[in-house]
């Protein structure tokens, strides 16, 4: 039931971990674990999880999509002005 609610929440509406966790009353770490599981299970569904990766707003460095949480600082410029990754579910 919970993952179905997660699909409905993210369907064509990109959100960060914190934006997802707050209305559901969960910790961002719990949502991160659920998103990893959802990413695997959606392979067999008519949807797919799209990850807009985190990026540094100072130098433009783009982190990989394996980072589902906000990194602490940029490895290129050592800045901490990091835009969080966003998650969206779209139809195939």
PDB file of N, CA and C in Angstrom:
ATOM      1  N   UNK A   1       0.818  -1.197   0.000  1.00  0.00           N
ATOM      2  CA  UNK A   1       0.000   0.000   0.000  1.00  0.00           C
ATOM      3  C   UNK A   1       0.862   1.261   0.000  1.00  0.00           C
ATOM      4  N   UNK A   2       1.925   1.265   0.798  1.00  0.00           N
ATOM      5  CA  UNK A   2       2.770   2.455   0.913  1.00  0.00           C
ATOM      6  C   UNK A   2       3.446   2.792  -0.413  1.00  0.00           C
ATOM      7  N   UNK A   3       3.956   1.781  -1.095  1.00  0.00           N
ATOM      8  CA  UNK A   3       4.652   2.067  -2.358  1.00  0.00           C
ATOM      9  C   UNK A   3       3.685   2.537  -3.430  1.00  0.00           C
ATOM     10  N   UNK A   4       2.460   2.071  -3.391  1.00  0.00           N
ATOM     11  CA  UNK A   4       1.436   2.565  -4.317  1.00  0.00           C
ATOM     12  C   UNK A   4       1.187   4.048  -4.055  1.00  0.00           C
ATOM     13  N   UNK A   5       1.157   4.440  -2.797  1.00  0.00           N
ATOM     14  CA  UNK A   5       0.986   5.854  -2.454  1.00  0.00           C
ATOM     15  C   UNK A   5       2.188   6.665  -2.934  1.00  0.00           C
ATOM     16  N   UNK A   6       3.362   6.074  -2.873  1.00  0.00           N
ATOM     17  CA  UNK A   6       4.578   6.743  -3.340  1.00  0.00           C
ATOM     18  C   UNK A   6       4.519   6.958  -4.851  1.00  0.00           C
ATOM     19  N   UNK A   7       4.009   5.980  -5.572  1.00  0.00           N
ATOM     20  CA  UNK A   7       3.855   6.121  -7.022  1.00  0.00           C
ATOM     21  C   UNK A   7       2.885   7.249  -7.327  1.00  0.00           C
ATOM     22  N   UNK A   8       1.746   7.270  -6.635  1.00  0.00           N
ATOM     23  CA  UNK A   8       0.754   8.325  -6.867  1.00  0.00           C
ATOM     24  C   UNK A   8       1.311   9.710  -6.533  1.00  0.00           C
ATOM     25  N   UNK A   9       2.129   9.794  -5.492  1.00  0.00           N
ATOM     26  CA  UNK A   9       2.717  11.066  -5.070  1.00  0.00           C
ATOM     27  C   UNK A   9       3.716  11.606  -6.091  1.00  0.00           C
ATOM     28  N   UNK A  10       4.503  10.713  -6.687  1.00  0.00           N
ATOM     29  CA  UNK A  10       5.578  11.132  -7.595  1.00  0.00           C
ATOM     30  C   UNK A  10       5.201  11.108  -9.071  1.00  0.00           C
ATOM     31  N   UNK A  11       4.019  10.627  -9.397  1.00  0.00           N
ATOM     32  CA  UNK A  11       3.617  10.506 -10.788  1.00  0.00           C
ATOM     33  C   UNK A  11       3.554  11.883 -11.442  1.00  0.00           C
ATOM     34  N   UNK A  12       4.476  12.115 -12.367  1.00  0.00           N
ATOM     35  CA  UNK A  12       4.588  13.382 -13.108  1.00  0.00           C
ATOM     36  C   UNK A  12       4.726  14.604 -12.203  1.00  0.00           C
ATOM     37  N   UNK A  13       5.351  14.416 -11.023  1.00  0.00           N
ATOM     38  CA  UNK A  13       5.548  15.522 -10.085  1.00  0.00           C
ATOM     39  C   UNK A  13       6.898  15.332  -9.383  1.00  0.00           C
ATOM     40  N   UNK A  14       7.982  15.953  -9.871  1.00  0.00           N
ATOM     41  CA  UNK A  14       9.295  15.765  -9.252  1.00  0.00           C
ATOM     42  C   UNK A  14       9.370  16.346  -7.842  1.00  0.00           C
ATOM     43  N   UNK A  15       9.972  15.555  -6.929  1.00  0.00           N
ATOM     44  CA  UNK A  15      10.108  15.970  -5.536  1.00  0.00           C
ATOM     45  C   UNK A  15      11.454  15.517  -4.986  1.00  0.00           C
ATOM     46  N   UNK A  16      11.936  16.198  -3.936  1.00  0.00           N
ATOM     47  CA  UNK A  16      13.160  15.797  -3.243  1.00  0.00           C
ATOM     48  C   UNK A  16      12.804  14.794  -2.147  1.00  0.00           C
ATOM     49  N   UNK A  17      13.818  14.191  -1.546  1.00  0.00           N
ATOM     50  CA  UNK A  17      13.591  13.255  -0.448  1.00  0.00           C
ATOM     51  C   UNK A  17      12.814  13.909   0.693  1.00  0.00           C
ATOM     52  N   UNK A  18      13.181  15.123   1.048  1.00  0.00           N
ATOM     53  CA  UNK A  18      12.540  15.813   2.159  1.00  0.00           C
ATOM     54  C   UNK A  18      11.093  16.178   1.829  1.00  0.00           C
ATOM     55  N   UNK A  19      10.830  16.542   0.586  1.00  0.00           N
ATOM     56  CA  UNK A  19       9.460  16.861   0.181  1.00  0.00           C
ATOM     57  C   UNK A  19       8.576  15.618   0.196  1.00  0.00           C
ATOM     58  N   UNK A  20       9.167  14.459  -0.053  1.00  0.00           N
ATOM     59  CA  UNK A  20       8.424  13.199  -0.014  1.00  0.00           C
ATOM     60  C   UNK A  20       8.202  12.773   1.434  1.00  0.00           C
ATOM     61  N   UNK A  21       9.234  12.865   2.254  1.00  0.00           N
ATOM     62  CA  UNK A  21       9.186  12.361   3.629  1.00  0.00           C
ATOM     63  C   UNK A  21       8.241  13.153   4.522  1.00  0.00           C
ATOM     64  N   UNK A  22       8.196  14.451   4.366  1.00  0.00           N
ATOM     65  CA  UNK A  22       7.423  15.296   5.283  1.00  0.00           C
ATOM     66  C   UNK A  22       5.934  14.939   5.321  1.00  0.00           C
ATOM     67  N   UNK A  23       5.210  14.906   4.176  1.00  0.00           N
ATOM     68  CA  UNK A  23       3.778  14.595   4.272  1.00  0.00           C
ATOM     69  C   UNK A  23       3.485  13.157   4.699  1.00  0.00           C
ATOM     70  N   UNK A  24       4.438  12.257   4.492  1.00  0.00           N
ATOM     71  CA  UNK A  24       4.244  10.867   4.868  1.00  0.00           C
ATOM     72  C   UNK A  24       4.651  10.588   6.311  1.00  0.00           C
ATOM     73  N   UNK A  25       5.287  11.569   6.957  1.00  0.00           N
ATOM     74  CA  UNK A  25       5.706  11.409   8.344  1.00  0.00           C
ATOM     75  C   UNK A  25       6.859  10.428   8.502  1.00  0.00           C
ATOM     76  N   UNK A  26       7.734  10.357   7.515  1.00  0.00           N
ATOM     77  CA  UNK A  26       8.866   9.434   7.539  1.00  0.00           C
ATOM     78  C   UNK A  26      10.183  10.189   7.567  1.00  0.00           C
ATOM     79  N   UNK A  27      11.240   9.458   7.893  1.00  0.00           N
ATOM     80  CA  UNK A  27      12.583  10.032   7.804  1.00  0.00           C
ATOM     81  C   UNK A  27      13.053   9.942   6.350  1.00  0.00           C
ATOM     82  N   UNK A  28      13.866  10.907   5.882  1.00  0.00           N
ATOM     83  CA  UNK A  28      14.378  10.845   4.513  1.00  0.00           C
ATOM     84  C   UNK A  28      15.149   9.547   4.224  1.00  0.00           C
ATOM     85  N   UNK A  29      15.844   9.001   5.216  1.00  0.00           N
ATOM     86  CA  UNK A  29      16.587   7.750   5.021  1.00  0.00           C
ATOM     87  C   UNK A  29      15.631   6.604   4.687  1.00  0.00           C
ATOM     88  N   UNK A  30      14.476   6.570   5.352  1.00  0.00           N
ATOM     89  CA  UNK A  30      13.486   5.529   5.068  1.00  0.00           C
ATOM     90  C   UNK A  30      12.937   5.674   3.653  1.00  0.00           C
ATOM     91  N   UNK A  31      12.700   6.901   3.233  1.00  0.00           N
ATOM     92  CA  UNK A  31      12.207   7.157   1.881  1.00  0.00           C
ATOM     93  C   UNK A  31      13.260   6.753   0.861  1.00  0.00           C
ATOM     94  N   UNK A  32      14.532   7.022   1.172  1.00  0.00           N
ATOM     95  CA  UNK A  32      15.617   6.643   0.271  1.00  0.00           C
ATOM     96  C   UNK A  32      15.638   5.130   0.056  1.00  0.00           C
ATOM     97  N   UNK A  33      15.488   4.363   1.124  1.00  0.00           N
ATOM     98  CA  UNK A  33      15.449   2.903   1.013  1.00  0.00           C
ATOM     99  C   UNK A  33      14.253   2.453   0.178  1.00  0.00           C
ATOM    100  N   UNK A  34      13.107   3.083   0.394  1.00  0.00           N
ATOM    101  CA  UNK A  34      11.910   2.721  -0.364  1.00  0.00           C
ATOM    102  C   UNK A  34      12.053   3.080  -1.842  1.00  0.00           C
ATOM    103  N   UNK A  35      12.715   4.199  -2.137  1.00  0.00           N
ATOM    104  CA  UNK A  35      12.924   4.579  -3.532  1.00  0.00           C
ATOM    105  C   UNK A  35      13.847   3.586  -4.244  1.00  0.00           C
ATOM    106  N   UNK A  36      14.864   3.110  -3.542  1.00  0.00           N
ATOM    107  CA  UNK A  36      15.759   2.097  -4.137  1.00  0.00           C
ATOM    108  C   UNK A  36      14.969   0.831  -4.465  1.00  0.00           C
ATOM    109  N   UNK A  37      14.108   0.415  -3.557  1.00  0.00           N
ATOM    110  CA  UNK A  37      13.292  -0.774  -3.805  1.00  0.00           C
ATOM    111  C   UNK A  37      12.289  -0.516  -4.923  1.00  0.00           C
ATOM    112  N   UNK A  38      11.672   0.653  -4.911  1.00  0.00           N
ATOM    113  CA  UNK A  38      10.697   1.008  -5.931  1.00  0.00           C
ATOM    114  C   UNK A  38      11.329   1.046  -7.313  1.00  0.00           C
ATOM    115  N   UNK A  39      12.564   1.515  -7.383  1.00  0.00           N
ATOM    116  CA  UNK A  39      13.277   1.582  -8.658  1.00  0.00           C
ATOM    117  C   UNK A  39      13.411   0.185  -9.263  1.00  0.00           C
ATOM    118  N   UNK A  40      13.653  -0.808  -8.430  1.00  0.00           N
ATOM    119  CA  UNK A  40      13.778  -2.189  -8.904  1.00  0.00           C
ATOM    120  C   UNK A  40      12.428  -2.774  -9.308  1.00  0.00           C
ATOM    121  N   UNK A  41      11.392  -2.517  -8.512  1.00  0.00           N
ATOM    122  CA  UNK A  41      10.092  -3.118  -8.797  1.00  0.00           C
ATOM    123  C   UNK A  41       9.385  -2.457  -9.981  1.00  0.00           C
ATOM    124  N   UNK A  42       9.697  -1.202 -10.271  1.00  0.00           N
ATOM    125  CA  UNK A  42       9.054  -0.533 -11.402  1.00  0.00           C
ATOM    126  C   UNK A  42       9.528  -1.069 -12.747  1.00  0.00           C
ATOM    127  N   UNK A  43      10.577  -1.855 -12.750  1.00  0.00           N
ATOM    128  CA  UNK A  43      11.051  -2.455 -14.009  1.00  0.00           C
ATOM    129  C   UNK A  43       9.992  -3.359 -14.623  1.00  0.00           C
ATOM    130  N   UNK A  44       9.093  -3.860 -13.790  1.00  0.00           N
ATOM    131  CA  UNK A  44       8.052  -4.781 -14.237  1.00  0.00           C
ATOM    132  C   UNK A  44       6.699  -4.093 -14.384  1.00  0.00           C
ATOM    133  N   UNK A  45       6.675  -2.789 -14.270  1.00  0.00           N
ATOM    134  CA  UNK A  45       5.436  -2.021 -14.329  1.00  0.00           C
ATOM    135  C   UNK A  45       5.440  -1.110 -15.558  1.00  0.00           C
ATOM    136  N   UNK A  46       4.377  -0.361 -15.711  1.00  0.00           N
ATOM    137  CA  UNK A  46       4.249   0.559 -16.838  1.00  0.00           C
ATOM    138  C   UNK A  46       4.864   1.918 -16.539  1.00  0.00           C
ATOM    139  N   UNK A  47       5.607   2.016 -15.432  1.00  0.00           N
ATOM    140  CA  UNK A  47       6.227   3.276 -15.025  1.00  0.00           C
ATOM    141  C   UNK A  47       7.734   3.106 -14.891  1.00  0.00           C
ATOM    142  N   UNK A  48       8.416   4.242 -14.781  1.00  0.00           N
ATOM    143  CA  UNK A  48       9.850   4.206 -14.468  1.00  0.00           C
ATOM    144  C   UNK A  48      10.176   5.404 -13.587  1.00  0.00           C
ATOM    145  N   UNK A  49      11.184   5.217 -12.742  1.00  0.00           N
ATOM    146  CA  UNK A  49      11.632   6.274 -11.847  1.00  0.00           C
ATOM    147  C   UNK A  49      12.714   7.085 -12.547  1.00  0.00           C
ATOM    148  N   UNK A  50      12.489   8.379 -12.656  1.00  0.00           N
ATOM    149  CA  UNK A  50      13.461   9.285 -13.269  1.00  0.00           C
ATOM    150  C   UNK A  50      14.128  10.064 -12.144  1.00  0.00           C
ATOM    151  N   UNK A  51      15.451  10.043 -12.135  1.00  0.00           N
ATOM    152  CA  UNK A  51      16.218  10.750 -11.107  1.00  0.00           C
ATOM    153  C   UNK A  51      16.935  11.926 -11.754  1.00  0.00           C
ATOM    154  N   UNK A  52      16.629  13.124 -11.284  1.00  0.00           N
ATOM    155  CA  UNK A  52      17.385  14.309 -11.686  1.00  0.00           C
ATOM    156  C   UNK A  52      18.508  14.427 -10.662  1.00  0.00           C
ATOM    157  N   UNK A  53      19.749  14.141 -11.045  1.00  0.00           N
ATOM    158  CA  UNK A  53      20.820  14.051 -10.047  1.00  0.00           C
ATOM    159  C   UNK A  53      21.125  15.369  -9.343  1.00  0.00           C
ATOM    160  N   UNK A  54      21.726  15.228  -8.162  1.00  0.00           N
ATOM    161  CA  UNK A  54      22.177  16.400  -7.406  1.00  0.00           C
ATOM    162  C   UNK A  54      23.255  17.115  -8.213  1.00  0.00           C
ATOM    163  N   UNK A  55      23.334  18.417  -8.049  1.00  0.00           N
ATOM    164  CA  UNK A  55      24.380  19.172  -8.743  1.00  0.00           C
ATOM    165  C   UNK A  55      24.812  20.358  -7.894  1.00  0.00           C
ATOM    166  N   UNK A  56      26.056  20.769  -8.118  1.00  0.00           N
ATOM    167  CA  UNK A  56      26.624  21.899  -7.402  1.00  0.00           C
ATOM    168  C   UNK A  56      26.159  23.186  -8.083  1.00  0.00           C
ATOM    169  N   UNK A  57      25.588  24.063  -7.306  1.00  0.00           N
ATOM    170  CA  UNK A  57      25.119  25.330  -7.867  1.00  0.00           C
ATOM    171  C   UNK A  57      26.260  26.332  -8.038  1.00  0.00           C
ATOM    172  N   UNK A  58      27.397  26.007  -7.480  1.00  0.00           N
ATOM    173  CA  UNK A  58      28.550  26.909  -7.580  1.00  0.00           C
ATOM    174  C   UNK A  58      29.340  26.662  -8.869  1.00  0.00           C
ATOM    175  N   UNK A  59      29.695  25.385  -9.128  1.00  0.00           N
ATOM    176  CA  UNK A  59      30.531  25.106 -10.298  1.00  0.00           C
ATOM    177  C   UNK A  59      29.818  24.281 -11.368  1.00  0.00           C
ATOM    178  N   UNK A  60      28.636  23.748 -11.045  1.00  0.00           N
ATOM    179  CA  UNK A  60      27.879  22.986 -12.032  1.00  0.00           C
ATOM    180  C   UNK A  60      28.173  21.496 -12.060  1.00  0.00           C
ATOM    181  N   UNK A  61      29.023  20.999 -11.147  1.00  0.00           N
ATOM    182  CA  UNK A  61      29.337  19.572 -11.105  1.00  0.00           C
ATOM    183  C   UNK A  61      28.052  18.771 -10.897  1.00  0.00           C
ATOM    184  N   UNK A  62      27.870  17.710 -11.691  1.00  0.00           N
ATOM    185  CA  UNK A  62      26.680  16.865 -11.586  1.00  0.00           C
ATOM    186  C   UNK A  62      27.084  15.536 -10.967  1.00  0.00           C
ATOM    187  N   UNK A  63      26.430  15.174  -9.878  1.00  0.00           N
ATOM    188  CA  UNK A  63      26.686  13.903  -9.201  1.00  0.00           C
ATOM    189  C   UNK A  63      25.994  12.787  -9.970  1.00  0.00           C
ATOM    190  N   UNK A  64      26.404  11.564  -9.718  1.00  0.00           N
ATOM    191  CA  UNK A  64      25.786  10.413 -10.362  1.00  0.00           C
ATOM    192  C   UNK A  64      24.402  10.139  -9.785  1.00  0.00           C
ATOM    193  N   UNK A  65      23.621   9.351 -10.501  1.00  0.00           N
ATOM    194  CA  UNK A  65      22.269   9.038 -10.044  1.00  0.00           C
ATOM    195  C   UNK A  65      22.263   8.016  -8.919  1.00  0.00           C
ATOM    196  N   UNK A  66      23.424   7.455  -8.569  1.00  0.00           N
ATOM    197  CA  UNK A  66      23.475   6.529  -7.431  1.00  0.00           C
ATOM    198  C   UNK A  66      23.345   7.270  -6.101  1.00  0.00           C
ATOM    199  N   UNK A  67      23.554   8.578  -6.106  1.00  0.00           N
ATOM    200  CA  UNK A  67      23.379   9.403  -4.904  1.00  0.00           C
ATOM    201  C   UNK A  67      21.916   9.806  -4.809  1.00  0.00           C
ATOM    202  N   UNK A  68      21.138   9.143  -3.952  1.00  0.00           N
ATOM    203  CA  UNK A  68      19.733   9.499  -3.792  1.00  0.00           C
ATOM    204  C   UNK A  68      19.545  10.578  -2.728  1.00  0.00           C
ATOM    205  N   UNK A  69      20.577  10.823  -1.943  1.00  0.00           N
ATOM    206  CA  UNK A  69      20.506  11.863  -0.926  1.00  0.00           C
ATOM    207  C   UNK A  69      21.399  13.032  -1.342  1.00  0.00           C
ATOM    208  N   UNK A  70      21.274  14.129  -0.636  1.00  0.00           N
ATOM    209  CA  UNK A  70      22.081  15.309  -0.935  1.00  0.00           C
ATOM    210  C   UNK A  70      23.508  15.091  -0.431  1.00  0.00           C
ATOM    211  N   UNK A  71      24.498  15.151  -1.315  1.00  0.00           N
ATOM    212  CA  UNK A  71      25.893  15.032  -0.869  1.00  0.00           C
ATOM    213  C   UNK A  71      26.291  16.222   0.004  1.00  0.00           C
ATOM    214  N   UNK A  72      27.288  16.010   0.843  1.00  0.00           N
ATOM    215  CA  UNK A  72      27.738  17.057   1.758  1.00  0.00           C
ATOM    216  C   UNK A  72      28.419  18.222   1.076  1.00  0.00           C
ATOM    217  N   UNK A  73      29.358  17.903   0.166  1.00  0.00           N
ATOM    218  CA  UNK A  73      30.024  18.977  -0.557  1.00  0.00           C
ATOM    219  C   UNK A  73      30.506  18.480  -1.912  1.00  0.00           C
ATOM    220  N   UNK A  74      30.809  19.421  -2.755  1.00  0.00           N
ATOM    221  CA  UNK A  74      31.210  19.144  -4.129  1.00  0.00           C
ATOM    222  C   UNK A  74      32.663  18.660  -4.173  1.00  0.00           C
ATOM    223  N   UNK A  75      32.952  17.564  -4.877  1.00  0.00           N
ATOM    224  CA  UNK A  75      34.329  17.103  -4.972  1.00  0.00           C
ATOM    225  C   UNK A  75      35.187  17.983  -5.891  1.00  0.00           C
ATOM    226  N   UNK A  76      34.549  18.758  -6.761  1.00  0.00           N
ATOM    227  CA  UNK A  76      35.305  19.596  -7.694  1.00  0.00           C
ATOM    228  C   UNK A  76      35.736  20.924  -7.070  1.00  0.00           C
ATOM    229  N   UNK A  77      34.794  21.645  -6.462  1.00  0.00           N
ATOM    230  CA  UNK A  77      35.114  22.975  -5.940  1.00  0.00           C
ATOM    231  C   UNK A  77      35.057  23.045  -4.411  1.00  0.00           C
ATOM    232  N   UNK A  78      34.689  21.942  -3.761  1.00  0.00           N
ATOM    233  CA  UNK A  78      34.562  21.853  -2.304  1.00  0.00           C
ATOM    234  C   UNK A  78      33.457  22.744  -1.735  1.00  0.00           C
ATOM    235  N   UNK A  79      32.582  23.249  -2.611  1.00  0.00           N
ATOM    236  CA  UNK A  79      31.463  24.076  -2.168  1.00  0.00           C
ATOM    237  C   UNK A  79      30.364  23.223  -1.554  1.00  0.00           C
ATOM    238  N   UNK A  80      29.530  23.856  -0.762  1.00  0.00           N
ATOM    239  CA  UNK A  80      28.431  23.139  -0.106  1.00  0.00           C
ATOM    240  C   UNK A  80      27.063  23.586  -0.619  1.00  0.00           C
ATOM    241  N   UNK A  81      27.042  24.327  -1.682  1.00  0.00           N
ATOM    242  CA  UNK A  81      25.799  24.818  -2.256  1.00  0.00           C
ATOM    243  C   UNK A  81      25.294  23.781  -3.251  1.00  0.00           C
ATOM    244  N   UNK A  82      24.734  22.689  -2.724  1.00  0.00           N
ATOM    245  CA  UNK A  82      24.335  21.539  -3.525  1.00  0.00           C
ATOM    246  C   UNK A  82      22.814  21.507  -3.663  1.00  0.00           C
ATOM    247  N   UNK A  83      22.349  21.385  -4.878  1.00  0.00           N
ATOM    248  CA  UNK A  83      20.916  21.214  -5.146  1.00  0.00           C
ATOM    249  C   UNK A  83      20.590  19.736  -4.988  1.00  0.00           C
ATOM    250  N   UNK A  84      19.547  19.439  -4.214  1.00  0.00           N
ATOM    251  CA  UNK A  84      19.172  18.052  -3.941  1.00  0.00           C
ATOM    252  C   UNK A  84      18.680  17.341  -5.203  1.00  0.00           C
ATOM    253  N   UNK A  85      18.853  16.012  -5.257  1.00  0.00           N
ATOM    254  CA  UNK A  85      18.282  15.273  -6.393  1.00  0.00           C
ATOM    255  C   UNK A  85      16.758  15.274  -6.303  1.00  0.00           C
ATOM    256  N   UNK A  86      16.116  15.178  -7.450  1.00  0.00           N
ATOM    257  CA  UNK A  86      14.650  15.133  -7.509  1.00  0.00           C
ATOM    258  C   UNK A  86      14.240  13.811  -8.150  1.00  0.00           C
ATOM    259  N   UNK A  87      13.090  13.326  -7.726  1.00  0.00           N
ATOM    260  CA  UNK A  87      12.591  12.036  -8.180  1.00  0.00           C
ATOM    261  C   UNK A  87      11.208  12.218  -8.780  1.00  0.00           C
ATOM    262  N   UNK A  88      10.977  11.510  -9.889  1.00  0.00           N
ATOM    263  CA  UNK A  88       9.689  11.596 -10.562  1.00  0.00           C
ATOM    264  C   UNK A  88       9.383  10.246 -11.183  1.00  0.00           C
ATOM    265  N   UNK A  89       8.134   9.873 -11.189  1.00  0.00           N
ATOM    266  CA  UNK A  89       7.714   8.647 -11.851  1.00  0.00           C
ATOM    267  C   UNK A  89       6.936   9.028 -13.093  1.00  0.00           C
ATOM    268  N   UNK A  90       7.354   8.472 -14.223  1.00  0.00           N
ATOM    269  CA  UNK A  90       6.703   8.754 -15.491  1.00  0.00           C
ATOM    270  C   UNK A  90       6.303   7.431 -16.147  1.00  0.00           C
ATOM    271  N   UNK A  91       5.319   7.511 -17.030  1.00  0.00           N
ATOM    272  CA  UNK A  91       4.903   6.340 -17.779  1.00  0.00           C
ATOM    273  C   UNK A  91       5.920   6.007 -18.861  1.00  0.00           C
ATOM    274  N   UNK A  92       5.972   4.757 -19.219  1.00  0.00           N
ATOM    275  CA  UNK A  92       6.925   4.341 -20.269  1.00  0.00           C
ATOM    276  C   UNK A  92       6.434   4.716 -21.632  1.00  0.00           C
TER     277      UNK A  92
END
